[in-house]
Protein backbone atom coordinates (compact mmCIF):
# COMPACT_ATOMS: atom_id res chain seq x y z
CA MET A 1 -49.78 40.34 1.54
CA THR A 2 -47.40 37.63 1.03
CA GLN A 3 -45.08 39.83 -1.19
CA TRP A 4 -44.80 42.42 1.44
CA ARG A 5 -43.82 39.96 4.01
CA CYS A 6 -40.95 38.70 1.65
CA SER A 7 -39.83 42.38 1.21
CA GLN A 8 -39.74 42.79 4.91
CA ARG A 9 -37.61 39.75 5.45
CA THR A 10 -35.12 40.72 2.71
CA TRP A 11 -34.89 44.26 4.31
CA ALA A 12 -34.26 42.65 7.73
CA GLY A 13 -31.55 40.28 6.31
CA GLY A 14 -29.89 43.21 4.62
CA HIS A 15 -29.91 45.30 7.69
CA GLU A 16 -28.24 42.40 9.71
CA ALA A 17 -25.62 41.80 7.05
CA GLY A 18 -24.93 45.73 7.08
CA GLU A 19 -24.43 45.57 10.86
CA ARG A 20 -22.03 42.61 10.69
CA LEU A 21 -20.23 44.53 7.90
CA ALA A 22 -19.91 47.56 10.10
CA GLN A 23 -18.79 45.51 13.10
CA CYS A 24 -16.07 43.80 10.98
CA GLN A 25 -14.94 47.04 9.71
CA ASP A 26 -14.80 48.39 13.25
CA GLN A 27 -12.81 45.38 14.53
CA SER A 28 -10.41 45.83 11.47
CA SER A 29 -9.88 49.46 12.39
CA ARG A 30 -9.32 48.55 16.11
CA HIS A 31 -6.90 45.79 15.01
CA ALA A 32 -5.04 48.12 12.67
CA ALA A 33 -4.77 50.72 15.46
CA GLU A 34 -3.55 48.12 17.92
CA LEU A 35 -0.91 46.88 15.33
CA ARG A 36 0.24 50.40 14.63
CA ASP A 37 0.71 51.09 18.46
CA PHE A 38 2.45 47.69 18.81
CA LYS A 39 4.91 48.58 15.90
CA ASN A 40 5.50 52.06 17.42
CA LYS A 41 6.44 50.40 20.76
CA MET A 42 8.52 47.63 19.02
CA LEU A 43 10.60 49.78 16.65
CA PRO A 44 12.61 51.45 19.58
CA LEU A 45 13.08 48.22 21.13
CA LEU A 46 14.26 46.58 17.95
CA GLU A 47 16.75 49.62 17.30
CA VAL A 48 18.05 49.04 20.83
CA ALA A 49 18.48 45.20 20.32
CA GLU A 50 20.21 45.90 16.91
CA LYS A 51 22.59 48.21 18.52
CA GLU A 52 23.30 45.74 21.32
CA ARG A 53 23.73 42.94 18.71
CA GLU A 54 26.28 45.19 16.81
CA ALA A 55 28.06 45.88 20.17
CA LEU A 56 28.25 42.22 20.99
CA ARG A 57 29.54 41.27 17.47
CA THR A 58 32.19 44.01 17.78
CA GLU A 59 33.32 42.75 21.18
CA ALA A 60 33.28 39.00 19.82
CA ASP A 61 35.48 40.05 16.95
CA THR A 62 37.77 41.97 19.30
CA ILE A 63 37.95 39.00 21.55
CA SER A 64 38.60 36.63 18.66
CA GLY A 65 41.40 38.90 17.39
CA ARG A 66 42.92 38.93 20.98
CA VAL A 67 42.71 34.94 21.04
CA ASP A 68 44.19 34.70 17.59
CA ARG A 69 46.97 37.19 18.56
CA LEU A 70 47.55 35.14 21.82
CA GLU A 71 47.83 31.89 19.85
CA ARG A 72 50.35 33.50 17.57
CA GLU A 73 52.41 34.72 20.40
CA VAL A 74 52.39 31.36 22.15
CA ASP A 75 53.39 29.68 18.78
CA TYR A 76 56.26 32.23 18.49
CA LEU A 77 57.32 31.57 22.22
CA GLU A 78 57.34 27.85 21.37
CA THR A 79 59.61 28.33 18.31
CA GLN A 80 62.00 30.41 20.35
CA ASN A 81 61.93 28.09 23.29
CA PRO A 82 61.15 24.65 21.86
CA ALA A 83 60.46 21.74 24.17
CA LEU A 84 63.04 18.97 24.44
CA PRO A 85 62.22 15.83 22.46
CA CYS A 86 60.25 13.32 24.62
CA VAL A 87 62.99 10.82 24.28
CA GLU A 88 64.60 8.81 27.11
CA VAL A 89 68.20 7.78 26.83
CA ASP A 90 68.66 4.34 27.97
CA GLU A 91 69.80 0.93 26.79
CA LYS A 92 67.12 0.79 24.19
CA VAL A 93 68.45 4.04 22.49
CA THR A 94 72.09 3.46 23.01
CA GLY A 95 72.10 -0.06 21.71
CA GLY A 96 72.68 -1.93 24.99
CA PRO A 97 71.32 -5.27 26.00
CA GLY A 98 67.77 -3.75 26.01
CA ILE A 99 67.53 -4.38 22.09
CA LYS A 100 66.66 -7.99 21.19
CA GLY A 101 67.56 -9.20 17.67
CA LYS A 102 64.45 -10.92 16.30
CA GLY A 103 64.99 -11.37 12.68
CA ARG A 104 65.25 -7.89 11.06
CA ARG A 105 64.18 -6.09 14.31
CA ASN A 106 65.73 -2.64 14.76
CA GLU A 107 67.69 -2.85 11.42
CA LYS A 108 67.51 0.38 9.45
CA TYR A 109 64.74 0.59 6.85
CA ASP A 110 65.70 0.66 3.19
CA MET A 111 63.32 3.19 1.48
CA LEU A 112 61.29 2.09 -1.46
CA THR A 113 60.75 5.48 -2.71
CA ASP A 114 62.81 8.68 -2.96
CA CYS A 115 60.41 10.34 -0.35
CA GLY A 116 62.71 12.57 1.88
CA TYR A 117 60.37 14.93 3.47
CA THR A 118 59.54 15.78 7.13
CA ILE A 119 56.99 18.03 8.95
CA SER A 120 58.00 21.65 9.21
CA GLN A 121 54.79 22.86 10.73
CA VAL A 122 50.96 22.52 10.76
CA ARG A 123 49.95 25.16 8.50
CA SER A 124 46.32 25.40 8.86
CA MET A 125 43.30 23.81 10.46
CA LYS A 126 39.72 23.33 8.96
CA ILE A 127 36.91 22.00 10.99
CA LEU A 128 34.39 20.29 8.62
CA LYS A 129 31.46 19.22 10.91
CA ARG A 130 30.46 17.05 13.83
CA PHE A 131 29.49 13.59 13.06
CA GLY A 132 29.16 10.52 15.41
CA GLY A 133 30.57 9.99 18.80
CA PRO A 134 33.61 11.25 20.65
CA ALA A 135 35.88 8.46 19.13
CA GLY A 136 36.10 7.46 15.48
CA LEU A 137 38.00 7.65 12.28
CA TRP A 138 37.47 9.48 8.91
CA THR A 139 39.81 9.28 6.06
CA LYS A 140 40.29 8.90 2.38
CA ASP A 141 41.96 6.08 0.35
CA PRO A 142 45.33 7.57 -0.89
CA MET A 143 45.21 5.14 -3.72
CA GLY A 144 41.50 5.31 -4.41
CA PRO A 145 39.08 8.00 -5.69
CA ALA A 146 40.37 11.29 -4.67
CA GLU A 147 37.07 12.51 -3.36
CA ARG A 148 35.56 9.57 -1.63
CA ILE A 149 35.20 9.73 2.18
CA TYR A 150 35.18 6.89 4.66
CA VAL A 151 33.70 7.39 8.10
CA LEU A 152 34.05 4.77 10.86
CA ASP A 153 32.26 5.86 13.96
CA GLY A 154 32.96 4.40 17.37
CA THR A 155 35.53 1.91 18.91
CA GLN A 156 33.50 -1.17 18.43
CA ASN A 157 31.33 -1.09 15.43
CA ASP A 158 30.67 -3.03 12.20
CA THR A 159 29.27 -0.57 9.74
CA ALA A 160 31.33 2.11 7.85
CA PHE A 161 29.84 5.14 6.07
CA VAL A 162 31.10 5.81 2.51
CA PHE A 163 30.45 9.26 0.97
CA PRO A 164 30.94 9.87 -2.81
CA ARG A 165 32.41 13.29 -2.16
CA LEU A 166 33.50 15.77 0.61
CA ARG A 167 30.58 17.93 -0.17
CA ASP A 168 28.10 15.24 0.53
CA PHE A 169 29.72 14.54 3.98
CA THR A 170 29.30 18.13 4.86
CA LEU A 171 25.68 18.45 4.44
CA ALA A 172 23.30 18.72 7.45
CA MET A 173 21.72 15.35 6.74
CA ALA A 174 24.92 13.59 5.63
CA ALA A 175 23.99 10.13 6.50
CA ARG A 176 21.25 9.99 3.87
CA LYS A 177 24.00 10.60 1.21
CA ALA A 178 26.21 7.82 2.40
CA SER A 179 26.26 4.17 1.52
CA ARG A 180 26.83 1.63 4.37
CA VAL A 181 29.37 -1.03 4.27
CA ARG A 182 29.04 -3.79 6.95
CA VAL A 183 32.06 -5.85 7.90
CA PRO A 184 31.69 -9.42 9.25
CA PHE A 185 33.58 -8.81 12.51
CA PRO A 186 33.48 -5.78 14.52
CA TRP A 187 36.59 -3.52 14.69
CA VAL A 188 38.21 -2.56 17.97
CA GLY A 189 39.64 0.94 18.60
CA THR A 190 40.25 3.62 16.03
CA GLY A 191 43.32 2.12 14.33
CA GLN A 192 41.60 1.20 11.05
CA LEU A 193 42.86 2.16 7.81
CA VAL A 194 41.55 2.38 4.11
CA TYR A 195 44.28 1.63 1.51
CA GLY A 196 44.21 0.39 -2.06
CA GLY A 197 40.46 -0.38 -1.99
CA PHE A 198 40.78 -2.39 1.26
CA LEU A 199 39.69 -1.81 4.80
CA TYR A 200 42.36 -2.92 7.07
CA TYR A 201 41.32 -3.13 10.77
CA ALA A 202 42.03 -5.05 14.09
CA ARG A 203 39.53 -7.54 15.37
CA ARG A 204 39.43 -8.96 18.87
CA PRO A 205 39.36 -12.69 18.36
CA PRO A 206 37.76 -15.02 20.88
CA GLY A 207 40.01 -14.99 23.88
CA GLY A 208 41.67 -11.71 22.72
CA PRO A 209 42.46 -8.65 24.95
CA GLY A 210 40.26 -9.02 27.97
CA GLY A 211 38.86 -12.21 27.09
CA GLY A 212 41.27 -14.73 28.78
CA GLY A 213 42.47 -17.99 27.06
CA GLU A 214 45.39 -18.72 24.75
CA LEU A 215 44.90 -15.42 22.69
CA GLU A 216 44.97 -13.15 25.67
CA ASN A 217 46.25 -9.63 24.61
CA THR A 218 46.43 -10.62 20.78
CA LEU A 219 44.51 -9.06 17.95
CA GLN A 220 43.69 -10.39 14.45
CA LEU A 221 44.17 -8.12 11.48
CA ILE A 222 41.45 -8.28 8.76
CA LYS A 223 41.85 -7.14 5.11
CA PHE A 224 38.38 -6.39 3.81
CA HIS A 225 37.68 -5.83 0.16
CA LEU A 226 35.33 -2.56 0.20
CA ALA A 227 33.91 -3.26 -3.43
CA ASN A 228 33.31 -7.09 -3.24
CA ARG A 229 32.44 -6.78 0.64
CA THR A 230 34.43 -9.90 1.54
CA VAL A 231 37.33 -10.69 3.69
CA VAL A 232 40.31 -11.54 1.49
CA ASP A 233 42.92 -12.13 4.16
CA SER A 234 43.47 -12.24 7.90
CA SER A 235 46.39 -12.73 10.32
CA VAL A 236 47.17 -12.77 14.07
CA PHE A 237 49.47 -9.87 14.67
CA PRO A 238 52.91 -11.36 15.66
CA ALA A 239 53.24 -9.67 18.99
CA GLU A 240 52.48 -10.97 22.48
CA GLY A 241 51.01 -9.17 25.35
CA LEU A 242 49.59 -6.21 23.37
CA ILE A 243 48.68 -3.14 25.29
CA PRO A 244 47.17 0.06 24.08
CA PRO A 245 50.10 2.02 22.51
CA TYR A 246 48.66 5.46 23.44
CA GLY A 247 48.22 6.27 27.06
CA LEU A 248 45.42 8.68 26.29
CA THR A 249 43.46 6.30 23.93
CA ALA A 250 42.76 3.09 25.87
CA ASP A 251 40.61 1.51 23.18
CA THR A 252 43.10 1.23 20.47
CA TYR A 253 45.56 -1.70 20.47
CA ILE A 254 47.01 -1.38 16.97
CA ASP A 255 47.06 1.77 15.00
CA LEU A 256 47.43 1.25 11.37
CA ALA A 257 48.95 3.89 9.11
CA ALA A 258 49.82 4.42 5.41
CA ASP A 259 52.47 6.66 3.83
CA GLU A 260 54.50 7.04 0.70
CA GLU A 261 56.15 3.73 1.60
CA GLY A 262 53.06 1.61 2.34
CA LEU A 263 51.58 0.08 5.31
CA TRP A 264 52.65 0.44 9.08
CA ALA A 265 51.47 -0.50 12.42
CA VAL A 266 51.97 1.23 15.64
CA TYR A 267 51.64 -0.86 18.77
CA ALA A 268 53.03 -1.63 22.16
CA THR A 269 53.68 -4.81 24.32
CA ARG A 270 54.19 -5.56 28.07
CA GLU A 271 57.67 -6.50 27.39
CA ASP A 272 58.43 -2.79 27.24
CA ASP A 273 55.32 -1.06 28.49
CA ARG A 274 56.91 2.38 28.37
CA HIS A 275 57.65 2.81 24.80
CA LEU A 276 55.83 2.41 21.32
CA CYS A 277 56.82 -0.16 18.74
CA LEU A 278 56.66 0.19 14.88
CA ALA A 279 56.18 -2.42 12.22
CA LYS A 280 56.38 -2.41 8.43
CA LEU A 281 53.55 -4.63 7.06
CA ASP A 282 53.06 -6.27 3.51
CA PRO A 283 49.69 -4.97 2.43
CA GLN A 284 49.13 -7.91 0.15
CA THR A 285 49.81 -10.73 2.80
CA LEU A 286 49.61 -8.74 6.05
CA ASP A 287 53.03 -10.25 6.96
CA THR A 288 55.36 -8.30 9.20
CA GLU A 289 58.47 -7.22 7.22
CA GLN A 290 60.43 -5.36 9.91
CA GLN A 291 59.94 -4.24 13.60
CA TRP A 292 61.46 -1.46 15.64
CA ASP A 293 61.61 -0.63 19.25
CA THR A 294 61.12 3.22 19.25
CA PRO A 295 62.22 5.79 22.13
CA CYS A 296 58.79 7.26 22.06
CA PRO A 297 57.12 7.01 25.50
CA ARG A 298 53.46 5.77 25.67
CA GLU A 299 52.52 8.22 28.50
CA ASN A 300 50.42 10.98 27.37
CA ALA A 301 50.59 9.85 23.77
CA GLU A 302 47.17 10.32 22.08
CA ALA A 303 47.82 9.45 18.43
CA ALA A 304 50.52 8.98 15.77
CA PHE A 305 51.09 8.78 12.02
CA VAL A 306 53.76 7.96 9.45
CA ILE A 307 55.30 10.26 6.82
CA CYS A 308 58.23 8.96 4.55
CA GLY A 309 59.10 6.38 7.01
CA THR A 310 59.06 8.56 9.97
CA LEU A 311 56.76 7.88 12.92
CA TYR A 312 55.25 11.12 14.52
CA VAL A 313 53.83 10.78 17.92
CA VAL A 314 51.37 13.28 19.28
CA TYR A 315 51.12 13.99 22.97
CA ASN A 316 48.40 15.84 25.01
CA THR A 317 47.63 16.20 28.84
CA ARG A 318 44.72 15.29 31.03
CA PRO A 319 42.37 17.18 30.77
CA ALA A 320 42.96 17.61 26.95
CA SER A 321 44.88 20.80 25.94
CA ARG A 322 47.00 21.68 22.93
CA ALA A 323 48.35 18.55 21.30
CA ARG A 324 52.05 18.46 20.05
CA ILE A 325 54.31 16.29 18.09
CA GLN A 326 56.86 15.60 20.68
CA CYS A 327 58.68 12.44 19.40
CA SER A 328 59.66 11.21 16.02
CA PHE A 329 61.46 8.11 14.84
CA ASP A 330 62.84 7.58 11.49
CA ALA A 331 63.13 3.90 10.59
CA SER A 332 65.66 4.75 7.83
CA GLY A 333 67.88 6.74 10.12
CA THR A 334 67.89 9.73 8.09
CA LEU A 335 66.16 12.20 10.53
CA THR A 336 67.57 12.33 13.99
CA PRO A 337 65.24 13.48 16.79
CA GLU A 338 67.49 16.72 17.31
CA ARG A 339 66.74 17.84 13.78
CA ALA A 340 63.04 17.09 13.82
CA ALA A 341 60.47 19.87 14.26
CA LEU A 342 58.04 19.65 17.14
CA PRO A 343 55.00 21.67 16.13
CA TYR A 344 51.78 22.31 18.10
CA PHE A 345 48.54 21.65 16.67
CA PRO A 346 46.04 24.62 16.74
CA ARG A 347 43.67 24.69 19.72
CA ARG A 348 40.49 22.59 19.25
CA TYR A 349 37.86 20.90 21.16
CA GLY A 350 39.54 18.01 23.27
CA ALA A 351 41.81 15.28 22.05
CA HIS A 352 42.67 13.40 18.85
CA ALA A 353 40.91 9.96 18.67
CA SER A 354 42.67 9.23 15.46
CA LEU A 355 44.89 10.88 12.94
CA ARG A 356 45.26 9.72 9.29
CA TYR A 357 47.89 10.96 6.96
CA ASN A 358 47.09 11.15 3.21
CA PRO A 359 50.26 11.26 1.24
CA ARG A 360 48.55 12.37 -2.04
CA GLU A 361 47.34 15.52 -0.32
CA ARG A 362 49.92 15.84 2.44
CA GLN A 363 46.97 16.42 4.99
CA LEU A 364 45.91 14.98 8.16
CA TYR A 365 42.37 13.80 8.63
CA ALA A 366 41.59 14.01 12.45
CA TRP A 367 38.68 12.98 14.79
CA ASP A 368 38.50 15.17 17.70
CA ASP A 369 35.60 14.73 20.14
CA GLY A 370 33.17 14.02 17.24
CA TYR A 371 34.45 16.90 15.16
CA GLN A 372 36.11 15.90 11.85
CA ILE A 373 39.16 18.24 11.18
CA VAL A 374 41.69 18.56 8.25
CA TYR A 375 45.19 19.65 9.01
CA LYS A 376 47.40 21.02 6.16
CA LEU A 377 51.02 20.27 6.55
CA GLU A 378 54.08 22.27 5.49
CA MET A 379 57.03 20.03 4.56
CA ARG A 380 60.74 20.44 4.32
CA LYS A 381 63.70 18.13 3.31
CA LYS A 382 64.94 15.92 6.19
CA GLU A 383 68.47 17.10 5.46
CA GLU A 384 67.46 20.86 6.04
CA GLU A 385 67.99 22.44 9.44
CA VAL A 386 65.19 23.18 11.69
């Protein structure tokens, strides 16, 4: 009797399992049928979407081609009808009483090297990535490791990013590949420079610009050893009444630059609040060796750099548009403004917060609204005609 009951239960359990298996197979069949129906409905839609995507891609390529052609036409028209140099002829330029003799001020610069090149045109542009805020600086050390990248984000900060190579900087999570160098005093503006293993930057001392006191509108230059992470020298910049040299870059009071000849500083003072000044600095002691009053206006200037002893000032508009080198000043007197090329930069995002020239590569490292850009330059001899 007991044996019969066990067999009955076993039969009942097998019957239930069979029903569940049949239900599972039925559900699988229904799901497969629904999937086939969904696939049959989606295939035509996907084909339509693919055709629309191809049409949009073709249209985008056509528009891109038109934009490139328009840019070339604009560049051609500019070469045929170049703008006049942004130079004002007054007592400053003609040697009248506007020039004040202070030591070696405004004397011709004696070149230390045989560098005799000037810009012919901006040959190409490459946008690397977007890193940081709208204002900052990225650069290489022209006398250091050729691959190392230095990034200084912001106009008031105390930490620099150092990347071992450009490839590391271009990664999506670039900050993880960088070492961080903290300076003892925050920098001000975007006028910093890496040169010969040192970070040169301007610091706002107590009572500096906007702080009142005896050092009102003065800045202190700091020479910071990047390897030892120590300040090796400092000096108050020998100019009173400092004001931002670039009308479109209000946070920068001193813009440091390096070229084949060494270390330079671009600045402006209230004594002549319309034009830029240029100074040659001793990179060892931070002493000012020579100073010049240039004819380059501050108004609408956004950045500048120096090549072979010649200052090139880049101008833009409000709102930002196509930037252009519209004023140059050769401290040695070799290149006259009339013979200098005035090239446009390719259209980008906004305005240059900083430009750094690398004499080893003959390239400009630009910071444009948070985008890091490399400009390749085409050069010619200063004596050659434009």
